PDB file of N, CA and C in Angstrom:
ATOM      1  N   MET A   1      94.950 118.690  93.870  1.00  0.00           N
ATOM      2  CA  MET A   1      94.435 118.251  95.163  1.00  0.00           C
ATOM      3  C   MET A   1      92.914 118.201  95.098  1.00  0.00           C
ATOM      4  N   GLU A   2      92.363 117.087  95.502  1.00  0.00           N
ATOM      5  CA  GLU A   2      90.914 116.948  95.556  1.00  0.00           C
ATOM      6  C   GLU A   2      90.459 117.384  96.946  1.00  0.00           C
ATOM      7  N   LEU A   3      89.719 118.479  97.001  1.00  0.00           N
ATOM      8  CA  LEU A   3      89.344 119.082  98.273  1.00  0.00           C
ATOM      9  C   LEU A   3      88.515 118.148  99.149  1.00  0.00           C
ATOM     10  N   SER A   4      87.552 117.446  98.576  1.00  0.00           N
ATOM     11  CA  SER A   4      86.710 116.542  99.366  1.00  0.00           C
ATOM     12  C   SER A   4      87.539 115.470 100.058  1.00  0.00           C
ATOM     13  N   LYS A   5      88.524 114.948  99.347  1.00  0.00           N
ATOM     14  CA  LYS A   5      89.395 113.918  99.914  1.00  0.00           C
ATOM     15  C   LYS A   5      90.221 114.506 101.065  1.00  0.00           C
ATOM     16  N   GLU A   6      90.751 115.708 100.870  1.00  0.00           N
ATOM     17  CA  GLU A   6      91.562 116.357 101.896  1.00  0.00           C
ATOM     18  C   GLU A   6      90.725 116.685 103.142  1.00  0.00           C
ATOM     19  N   ILE A   7      89.481 117.081 102.929  1.00  0.00           N
ATOM     20  CA  ILE A   7      88.587 117.348 104.065  1.00  0.00           C
ATOM     21  C   ILE A   7      88.351 116.069 104.851  1.00  0.00           C
ATOM     22  N   GLY A   8      88.054 114.985 104.146  1.00  0.00           N
ATOM     23  CA  GLY A   8      87.853 113.696 104.802  1.00  0.00           C
ATOM     24  C   GLY A   8      89.079 113.256 105.583  1.00  0.00           C
ATOM     25  N   GLN A   9      90.247 113.476 105.017  1.00  0.00           N
ATOM     26  CA  GLN A   9      91.504 113.117 105.676  1.00  0.00           C
ATOM     27  C   GLN A   9      91.711 113.963 106.924  1.00  0.00           C
ATOM     28  N   ALA A  10      91.394 115.256 106.841  1.00  0.00           N
ATOM     29  CA  ALA A  10      91.548 116.146 108.003  1.00  0.00           C
ATOM     30  C   ALA A  10      90.594 115.744 109.120  1.00  0.00           C
ATOM     31  N   VAL A  11      89.384 115.354 108.754  1.00  0.00           N
ATOM     32  CA  VAL A  11      88.396 114.940 109.753  1.00  0.00           C
ATOM     33  C   VAL A  11      88.841 113.651 110.435  1.00  0.00           C
ATOM     34  N   SER A  12      89.359 112.702 109.659  1.00  0.00           N
ATOM     35  CA  SER A  12      89.708 111.402 110.238  1.00  0.00           C
ATOM     36  C   SER A  12      91.054 111.385 110.959  1.00  0.00           C
ATOM     37  N   THR A  13      92.015 112.208 110.535  1.00  0.00           N
ATOM     38  CA  THR A  13      93.343 112.151 111.152  1.00  0.00           C
ATOM     39  C   THR A  13      93.713 113.396 111.952  1.00  0.00           C
ATOM     40  N   GLY A  14      92.971 114.468 111.770  1.00  0.00           N
ATOM     41  CA  GLY A  14      93.292 115.712 112.459  1.00  0.00           C
ATOM     42  C   GLY A  14      92.228 116.086 113.470  1.00  0.00           C
ATOM     43  N   LYS A  15      92.090 117.389 113.668  1.00  0.00           N
ATOM     44  CA  LYS A  15      91.076 117.893 114.594  1.00  0.00           C
ATOM     45  C   LYS A  15      90.292 118.986 113.871  1.00  0.00           C
ATOM     46  N   VAL A  16      88.986 118.779 113.781  1.00  0.00           N
ATOM     47  CA  VAL A  16      88.111 119.695 113.050  1.00  0.00           C
ATOM     48  C   VAL A  16      86.892 120.009 113.900  1.00  0.00           C
ATOM     49  N   ALA A  17      86.502 121.281 113.926  1.00  0.00           N
ATOM     50  CA  ALA A  17      85.285 121.699 114.622  1.00  0.00           C
ATOM     51  C   ALA A  17      84.196 121.880 113.565  1.00  0.00           C
ATOM     52  N   MET A  18      83.099 121.141 113.700  1.00  0.00           N
ATOM     53  CA  MET A  18      81.997 121.242 112.741  1.00  0.00           C
ATOM     54  C   MET A  18      80.859 122.042 113.338  1.00  0.00           C
ATOM     55  N   GLY A  19      80.240 122.858 112.493  1.00  0.00           N
ATOM     56  CA  GLY A  19      79.114 123.668 112.923  1.00  0.00           C
ATOM     57  C   GLY A  19      79.531 125.096 113.207  1.00  0.00           C
ATOM     58  N   ALA A  20      78.564 125.988 113.126  1.00  0.00           N
ATOM     59  CA  ALA A  20      78.843 127.419 113.289  1.00  0.00           C
ATOM     60  C   ALA A  20      79.316 127.756 114.699  1.00  0.00           C
ATOM     61  N   ALA A  21      78.611 127.274 115.712  1.00  0.00           N
ATOM     62  CA  ALA A  21      78.960 127.627 117.091  1.00  0.00           C
ATOM     63  C   ALA A  21      80.360 127.142 117.451  1.00  0.00           C
ATOM     64  N   ARG A  22      80.670 125.910 117.118  1.00  0.00           N
ATOM     65  CA  ARG A  22      82.000 125.372 117.429  1.00  0.00           C
ATOM     66  C   ARG A  22      83.089 126.064 116.622  1.00  0.00           C
ATOM     67  N   SER A  23      82.796 126.361 115.361  1.00  0.00           N
ATOM     68  CA  SER A  23      83.790 127.033 114.520  1.00  0.00           C
ATOM     69  C   SER A  23      84.089 128.433 115.040  1.00  0.00           C
ATOM     70  N   ILE A  24      83.050 129.161 115.423  1.00  0.00           N
ATOM     71  CA  ILE A  24      83.250 130.502 115.972  1.00  0.00           C
ATOM     72  C   ILE A  24      84.032 130.426 117.280  1.00  0.00           C
ATOM     73  N   LYS A  25      83.727 129.433 118.085  1.00  0.00           N
ATOM     74  CA  LYS A  25      84.445 129.262 119.354  1.00  0.00           C
ATOM     75  C   LYS A  25      85.939 129.025 119.106  1.00  0.00           C
ATOM     76  N   THR A  26      86.267 128.188 118.126  1.00  0.00           N
ATOM     77  CA  THR A  26      87.681 127.931 117.841  1.00  0.00           C
ATOM     78  C   THR A  26      88.367 129.169 117.275  1.00  0.00           C
ATOM     79  N   LEU A  27      87.625 129.962 116.500  1.00  0.00           N
ATOM     80  CA  LEU A  27      88.184 131.218 115.987  1.00  0.00           C
ATOM     81  C   LEU A  27      88.467 132.190 117.130  1.00  0.00           C
ATOM     82  N   LYS A  28      87.520 132.322 118.055  1.00  0.00           N
ATOM     83  CA  LYS A  28      87.697 133.229 119.187  1.00  0.00           C
ATOM     84  C   LYS A  28      88.864 132.813 120.069  1.00  0.00           C
ATOM     85  N   ARG A  29      89.090 131.515 120.184  1.00  0.00           N
ATOM     86  CA  ARG A  29      90.182 130.997 121.012  1.00  0.00           C
ATOM     87  C   ARG A  29      91.529 131.020 120.295  1.00  0.00           C
ATOM     88  N   GLY A  30      91.512 131.352 118.993  1.00  0.00           N
ATOM     89  CA  GLY A  30      92.752 131.387 118.224  1.00  0.00           C
ATOM     90  C   GLY A  30      93.265 130.011 117.845  1.00  0.00           C
ATOM     91  N   GLN A  31      92.390 129.011 117.826  1.00  0.00           N
ATOM     92  CA  GLN A  31      92.796 127.637 117.535  1.00  0.00           C
ATOM     93  C   GLN A  31      92.642 127.267 116.060  1.00  0.00           C
ATOM     94  N   ALA A  32      91.741 127.918 115.355  1.00  0.00           N
ATOM     95  CA  ALA A  32      91.459 127.557 113.961  1.00  0.00           C
ATOM     96  C   ALA A  32      92.589 128.007 113.043  1.00  0.00           C
ATOM     97  N   LYS A  33      92.882 127.175 112.047  1.00  0.00           N
ATOM     98  CA  LYS A  33      93.899 127.507 111.054  1.00  0.00           C
ATOM     99  C   LYS A  33      93.281 127.768 109.686  1.00  0.00           C
ATOM    100  N   LEU A  34      92.063 127.252 109.489  1.00  0.00           N
ATOM    101  CA  LEU A  34      91.345 127.414 108.226  1.00  0.00           C
ATOM    102  C   LEU A  34      89.870 127.173 108.488  1.00  0.00           C
ATOM    103  N   VAL A  35      89.018 127.958 107.830  1.00  0.00           N
ATOM    104  CA  VAL A  35      87.571 127.752 107.922  1.00  0.00           C
ATOM    105  C   VAL A  35      87.056 127.442 106.525  1.00  0.00           C
ATOM    106  N   ILE A  36      86.209 126.437 106.435  1.00  0.00           N
ATOM    107  CA  ILE A  36      85.589 126.059 105.164  1.00  0.00           C
ATOM    108  C   ILE A  36      84.083 126.201 105.318  1.00  0.00           C
ATOM    109  N   ALA A  37      83.464 126.910 104.388  1.00  0.00           N
ATOM    110  CA  ALA A  37      82.019 127.139 104.413  1.00  0.00           C
ATOM    111  C   ALA A  37      81.399 126.558 103.151  1.00  0.00           C
ATOM    112  N   ALA A  38      80.237 125.949 103.289  1.00  0.00           N
ATOM    113  CA  ALA A  38      79.505 125.417 102.137  1.00  0.00           C
ATOM    114  C   ALA A  38      79.017 126.581 101.277  1.00  0.00           C
ATOM    115  N   SER A  39      78.845 126.327 100.008  1.00  0.00           N
ATOM    116  CA  SER A  39      78.424 127.391  99.089  1.00  0.00           C
ATOM    117  C   SER A  39      77.020 127.904  99.390  1.00  0.00           C
ATOM    118  N   ASN A  40      76.186 127.092 100.049  1.00  0.00           N
ATOM    119  CA  ASN A  40      74.828 127.530 100.372  1.00  0.00           C
ATOM    120  C   ASN A  40      74.689 127.967 101.830  1.00  0.00           C
ATOM    121  N   CYS A  41      75.801 128.310 102.452  1.00  0.00           N
ATOM    122  CA  CYS A  41      75.785 128.788 103.838  1.00  0.00           C
ATOM    123  C   CYS A  41      74.978 130.089 103.913  1.00  0.00           C
ATOM    124  N   GLU A  42      74.210 130.245 104.981  1.00  0.00           N
ATOM    125  CA  GLU A  42      73.400 131.453 105.136  1.00  0.00           C
ATOM    126  C   GLU A  42      74.290 132.703 105.118  1.00  0.00           C
ATOM    127  N   PRO A  43      73.884 133.748 104.397  1.00  0.00           N
ATOM    128  CA  PRO A  43      74.706 134.960 104.286  1.00  0.00           C
ATOM    129  C   PRO A  43      75.057 135.598 105.638  1.00  0.00           C
ATOM    130  N   ASN A  44      74.104 135.628 106.572  1.00  0.00           N
ATOM    131  CA  ASN A  44      74.390 136.231 107.882  1.00  0.00           C
ATOM    132  C   ASN A  44      75.431 135.418 108.646  1.00  0.00           C
ATOM    133  N   LEU A  45      75.313 134.104 108.574  1.00  0.00           N
ATOM    134  CA  LEU A  45      76.271 133.230 109.233  1.00  0.00           C
ATOM    135  C   LEU A  45      77.649 133.374 108.601  1.00  0.00           C
ATOM    136  N   LEU A  46      77.696 133.425 107.282  1.00  0.00           N
ATOM    137  CA  LEU A  46      78.960 133.576 106.583  1.00  0.00           C
ATOM    138  C   LEU A  46      79.618 134.913 106.931  1.00  0.00           C
ATOM    139  N   ALA A  47      78.810 135.962 107.062  1.00  0.00           N
ATOM    140  CA  ALA A  47      79.349 137.265 107.438  1.00  0.00           C
ATOM    141  C   ALA A  47      79.961 137.212 108.842  1.00  0.00           C
ATOM    142  N   ASP A  48      79.291 136.533 109.776  1.00  0.00           N
ATOM    143  CA  ASP A  48      79.835 136.379 111.130  1.00  0.00           C
ATOM    144  C   ASP A  48      81.149 135.612 111.104  1.00  0.00           C
ATOM    145  N   ILE A  49      81.174 134.510 110.364  1.00  0.00           N
ATOM    146  CA  ILE A  49      82.376 133.683 110.274  1.00  0.00           C
ATOM    147  C   ILE A  49      83.529 134.501 109.678  1.00  0.00           C
ATOM    148  N   LYS A  50      83.245 135.226 108.604  1.00  0.00           N
ATOM    149  CA  LYS A  50      84.292 136.038 107.974  1.00  0.00           C
ATOM    150  C   LYS A  50      84.806 137.112 108.922  1.00  0.00           C
ATOM    151  N   HIS A  51      83.915 137.682 109.725  1.00  0.00           N
ATOM    152  CA  HIS A  51      84.310 138.703 110.704  1.00  0.00           C
ATOM    153  C   HIS A  51      85.291 138.119 111.728  1.00  0.00           C
ATOM    154  N   TYR A  52      84.911 137.016 112.349  1.00  0.00           N
ATOM    155  CA  TYR A  52      85.772 136.397 113.356  1.00  0.00           C
ATOM    156  C   TYR A  52      87.064 135.865 112.732  1.00  0.00           C
ATOM    157  N   ALA A  53      86.974 135.357 111.513  1.00  0.00           N
ATOM    158  CA  ALA A  53      88.174 134.860 110.834  1.00  0.00           C
ATOM    159  C   ALA A  53      89.138 136.007 110.532  1.00  0.00           C
ATOM    160  N   ALA A  54      88.597 137.162 110.138  1.00  0.00           N
ATOM    161  CA  ALA A  54      89.457 138.314 109.873  1.00  0.00           C
ATOM    162  C   ALA A  54      90.154 138.782 111.146  1.00  0.00           C
ATOM    163  N   LEU A  55      89.436 138.767 112.259  1.00  0.00           N
ATOM    164  CA  LEU A  55      90.042 139.155 113.536  1.00  0.00           C
ATOM    165  C   LEU A  55      91.166 138.205 113.936  1.00  0.00           C
ATOM    166  N   ALA A  56      90.991 136.926 113.603  1.00  0.00           N
ATOM    167  CA  ALA A  56      91.984 135.910 113.972  1.00  0.00           C
ATOM    168  C   ALA A  56      93.020 135.685 112.867  1.00  0.00           C
ATOM    169  N   ASN A  57      92.884 136.414 111.758  1.00  0.00           N
ATOM    170  CA  ASN A  57      93.788 136.276 110.613  1.00  0.00           C
ATOM    171  C   ASN A  57      93.803 134.827 110.086  1.00  0.00           C
ATOM    172  N   VAL A  58      92.595 134.277 109.907  1.00  0.00           N
ATOM    173  CA  VAL A  58      92.416 132.906 109.441  1.00  0.00           C
ATOM    174  C   VAL A  58      91.707 132.952 108.088  1.00  0.00           C
ATOM    175  N   PRO A  59      92.224 132.226 107.083  1.00  0.00           N
ATOM    176  CA  PRO A  59      91.560 132.227 105.775  1.00  0.00           C
ATOM    177  C   PRO A  59      90.223 131.479 105.805  1.00  0.00           C
ATOM    178  N   VAL A  60      89.289 131.960 104.975  1.00  0.00           N
ATOM    179  CA  VAL A  60      87.985 131.317 104.812  1.00  0.00           C
ATOM    180  C   VAL A  60      87.893 130.847 103.365  1.00  0.00           C
ATOM    181  N   HIS A  61      87.590 129.574 103.184  1.00  0.00           N
ATOM    182  CA  HIS A  61      87.448 129.002 101.851  1.00  0.00           C
ATOM    183  C   HIS A  61      85.992 128.603 101.648  1.00  0.00           C
ATOM    184  N   ILE A  62      85.439 128.988 100.504  1.00  0.00           N
ATOM    185  CA  ILE A  62      84.064 128.594 100.171  1.00  0.00           C
ATOM    186  C   ILE A  62      84.130 127.280  99.398  1.00  0.00           C
ATOM    187  N   PHE A  63      83.551 126.240  99.992  1.00  0.00           N
ATOM    188  CA  PHE A  63      83.511 124.914  99.392  1.00  0.00           C
ATOM    189  C   PHE A  63      82.581 124.938  98.188  1.00  0.00           C
ATOM    190  N   ASP A  64      83.012 124.367  97.090  1.00  0.00           N
ATOM    191  CA  ASP A  64      82.210 124.366  95.862  1.00  0.00           C
ATOM    192  C   ASP A  64      81.198 123.225  95.920  1.00  0.00           C
ATOM    193  N   GLY A  65      80.263 123.352  96.852  1.00  0.00           N
ATOM    194  CA  GLY A  65      79.236 122.338  97.041  1.00  0.00           C
ATOM    195  C   GLY A  65      78.314 122.761  98.170  1.00  0.00           C
ATOM    196  N   THR A  66      77.210 122.072  98.298  1.00  0.00           N
ATOM    197  CA  THR A  66      76.215 122.403  99.322  1.00  0.00           C
ATOM    198  C   THR A  66      76.651 121.879 100.685  1.00  0.00           C
ATOM    199  N   SER A  67      75.866 122.222 101.697  1.00  0.00           N
ATOM    200  CA  SER A  67      76.153 121.726 103.043  1.00  0.00           C
ATOM    201  C   SER A  67      75.984 120.207 103.109  1.00  0.00           C
ATOM    202  N   GLN A  68      75.113 119.657 102.286  1.00  0.00           N
ATOM    203  CA  GLN A  68      74.969 118.199 102.228  1.00  0.00           C
ATOM    204  C   GLN A  68      76.248 117.576 101.672  1.00  0.00           C
ATOM    205  N   GLU A  69      76.781 118.160 100.608  1.00  0.00           N
ATOM    206  CA  GLU A  69      78.014 117.644 100.006  1.00  0.00           C
ATOM    207  C   GLU A  69      79.215 117.828 100.933  1.00  0.00           C
ATOM    208  N   LEU A  70      79.230 118.920 101.685  1.00  0.00           N
ATOM    209  CA  LEU A  70      80.310 119.132 102.649  1.00  0.00           C
ATOM    210  C   LEU A  70      80.218 118.101 103.774  1.00  0.00           C
ATOM    211  N   GLY A  71      79.001 117.800 104.208  1.00  0.00           N
ATOM    212  CA  GLY A  71      78.809 116.757 105.209  1.00  0.00           C
ATOM    213  C   GLY A  71      79.304 115.401 104.712  1.00  0.00           C
ATOM    214  N   LEU A  72      79.013 115.086 103.458  1.00  0.00           N
ATOM    215  CA  LEU A  72      79.479 113.827 102.875  1.00  0.00           C
ATOM    216  C   LEU A  72      81.004 113.802 102.772  1.00  0.00           C
ATOM    217  N   ALA A  73      81.603 114.939 102.431  1.00  0.00           N
ATOM    218  CA  ALA A  73      83.064 115.026 102.359  1.00  0.00           C
ATOM    219  C   ALA A  73      83.690 114.775 103.736  1.00  0.00           C
ATOM    220  N   CYS A  74      82.968 115.171 104.772  1.00  0.00           N
ATOM    221  CA  CYS A  74      83.439 114.944 106.150  1.00  0.00           C
ATOM    222  C   CYS A  74      83.175 113.517 106.608  1.00  0.00           C
ATOM    223  N   GLY A  75      82.424 112.767 105.807  1.00  0.00           N
ATOM    224  CA  GLY A  75      82.079 111.399 106.183  1.00  0.00           C
ATOM    225  C   GLY A  75      80.935 111.350 107.184  1.00  0.00           C
ATOM    226  N   LYS A  76      80.118 112.385 107.200  1.00  0.00           N
ATOM    227  CA  LYS A  76      79.009 112.469 108.152  1.00  0.00           C
ATOM    228  C   LYS A  76      77.679 112.366 107.419  1.00  0.00           C
ATOM    229  N   PRO A  77      76.661 111.765 108.065  1.00  0.00           N
ATOM    230  CA  PRO A  77      75.348 111.624 107.425  1.00  0.00           C
ATOM    231  C   PRO A  77      74.432 112.822 107.700  1.00  0.00           C
ATOM    232  N   PHE A  78      75.017 113.985 107.917  1.00  0.00           N
ATOM    233  CA  PHE A  78      74.217 115.180 108.187  1.00  0.00           C
ATOM    234  C   PHE A  78      74.844 116.385 107.496  1.00  0.00           C
ATOM    235  N   LEU A  79      74.088 117.478 107.463  1.00  0.00           N
ATOM    236  CA  LEU A  79      74.544 118.704 106.814  1.00  0.00           C
ATOM    237  C   LEU A  79      75.646 119.365 107.639  1.00  0.00           C
ATOM    238  N   VAL A  80      76.667 119.874 106.953  1.00  0.00           N
ATOM    239  CA  VAL A  80      77.731 120.643 107.593  1.00  0.00           C
ATOM    240  C   VAL A  80      77.894 121.921 106.777  1.00  0.00           C
ATOM    241  N   SER A  81      77.520 123.048 107.374  1.00  0.00           N
ATOM    242  CA  SER A  81      77.624 124.305 106.636  1.00  0.00           C
ATOM    243  C   SER A  81      78.965 124.991 106.865  1.00  0.00           C
ATOM    244  N   ILE A  82      79.552 124.780 108.043  1.00  0.00           N
ATOM    245  CA  ILE A  82      80.831 125.415 108.400  1.00  0.00           C
ATOM    246  C   ILE A  82      81.693 124.388 109.127  1.00  0.00           C
ATOM    247  N   LEU A  83      82.984 124.401 108.827  1.00  0.00           N
ATOM    248  CA  LEU A  83      83.915 123.631 109.645  1.00  0.00           C
ATOM    249  C   LEU A  83      85.211 124.412 109.774  1.00  0.00           C
ATOM    250  N   ALA A  84      85.836 124.259 110.922  1.00  0.00           N
ATOM    251  CA  ALA A  84      87.110 124.927 111.188  1.00  0.00           C
ATOM    252  C   ALA A  84      88.169 123.856 111.405  1.00  0.00           C
ATOM    253  N   VAL A  85      89.259 123.980 110.687  1.00  0.00           N
ATOM    254  CA  VAL A  85      90.366 123.040 110.827  1.00  0.00           C
ATOM    255  C   VAL A  85      91.273 123.542 111.950  1.00  0.00           C
ATOM    256  N   VAL A  86      91.407 122.732 112.994  1.00  0.00           N
ATOM    257  CA  VAL A  86      92.271 123.067 114.124  1.00  0.00           C
ATOM    258  C   VAL A  86      93.642 122.423 113.915  1.00  0.00           C
ATOM    259  N   GLU A  87      93.644 121.142 113.565  1.00  0.00           N
ATOM    260  CA  GLU A  87      94.868 120.411 113.236  1.00  0.00           C
ATOM    261  C   GLU A  87      94.611 119.629 111.952  1.00  0.00           C
ATOM    262  N   PRO A  88      95.450 119.780 110.930  1.00  0.00           N
ATOM    263  CA  PRO A  88      95.198 119.130 109.643  1.00  0.00           C
ATOM    264  C   PRO A  88      95.447 117.641 109.617  1.00  0.00           C
ATOM    265  N   GLY A  89      96.108 117.091 110.625  1.00  0.00           N
ATOM    266  CA  GLY A  89      96.429 115.669 110.606  1.00  0.00           C
ATOM    267  C   GLY A  89      97.354 115.363 109.444  1.00  0.00           C
ATOM    268  N   SER A  90      97.097 114.283 108.743  1.00  0.00           N
ATOM    269  CA  SER A  90      97.947 113.906 107.608  1.00  0.00           C
ATOM    270  C   SER A  90      97.454 114.497 106.287  1.00  0.00           C
ATOM    271  N   SER A  91      96.469 115.387 106.348  1.00  0.00           N
ATOM    272  CA  SER A  91      95.952 116.001 105.120  1.00  0.00           C
ATOM    273  C   SER A  91      96.808 117.202 104.722  1.00  0.00           C
ATOM    274  N   ASN A  92      96.583 117.661 103.515  1.00  0.00           N
ATOM    275  CA  ASN A  92      97.259 118.840 102.985  1.00  0.00           C
ATOM    276  C   ASN A  92      96.249 119.982 102.845  1.00  0.00           C
ATOM    277  N   ILE A  93      95.272 120.011 103.727  1.00  0.00           N
ATOM    278  CA  ILE A  93      94.132 120.922 103.630  1.00  0.00           C
ATOM    279  C   ILE A  93      94.528 122.390 103.771  1.00  0.00           C
ATOM    280  N   LEU A  94      95.549 122.683 104.553  1.00  0.00           N
ATOM    281  CA  LEU A  94      95.906 124.078 104.801  1.00  0.00           C
ATOM    282  C   LEU A  94      96.450 124.772 103.559  1.00  0.00           C
ATOM    283  N   SER A  95      96.862 124.010 102.559  1.00  0.00           N
ATOM    284  CA  SER A  95      97.393 124.629 101.340  1.00  0.00           C
ATOM    285  C   SER A  95      96.313 125.354 100.546  1.00  0.00           C
ATOM    286  N   ILE A  96      95.027 125.027 100.744  1.00  0.00           N
ATOM    287  CA  ILE A  96      93.971 125.726  99.994  1.00  0.00           C
ATOM    288  C   ILE A  96      93.746 127.124 100.507  1.00  0.00           C
ATOM    289  N   GLY A  97      94.063 127.358 101.772  1.00  0.00           N
ATOM    290  CA  GLY A  97      93.860 128.677 102.345  1.00  0.00           C
ATOM    291  C   GLY A  97      95.072 129.571 102.225  1.00  0.00           C
ATOM    292  N   GLY A  98      96.130 129.085 101.570  1.00  0.00           N
ATOM    293  CA  GLY A  98      97.345 129.877 101.478  1.00  0.00           C
ATOM    294  C   GLY A  98      98.011 130.026 102.833  1.00  0.00           C
ATOM    295  N   HIS A  99      97.757 129.063 103.703  1.00  0.00           N
ATOM    296  CA  HIS A  99      98.308 129.107 105.059  1.00  0.00           C
ATOM    297  C   HIS A  99      99.772 128.706 105.040  1.00  0.00           C
ATOM    298  N   ARG A 100     100.538 129.271 105.939  1.00  0.00           N
ATOM    299  CA  ARG A 100     101.975 129.024 106.012  1.00  0.00           C
ATOM    300  C   ARG A 100     102.307 127.575 105.906  1.00  0.00           C
TER     301      ARG A 100
END
């Protein structure tokens, strides 16, 4: 499975929250099924995300690329350091997190 392709598919056919504030909000609401963080995500932000993800029992995957590359995988012309998958759409993205 090519992760960048699956991320793009999830963004275009599913429901994804991009950015730290939106991702944390979806975690707090119990809506997120998987969180993906760029490899260059700020350590404090990553610690917060991991904390909320642990409380919600949601896996966190570290994307093997920068926030610029994660943004490109999402099909966006801007940096994306964190994204939360709410609905995978037609992608197979949840299999990377070991999700049911």
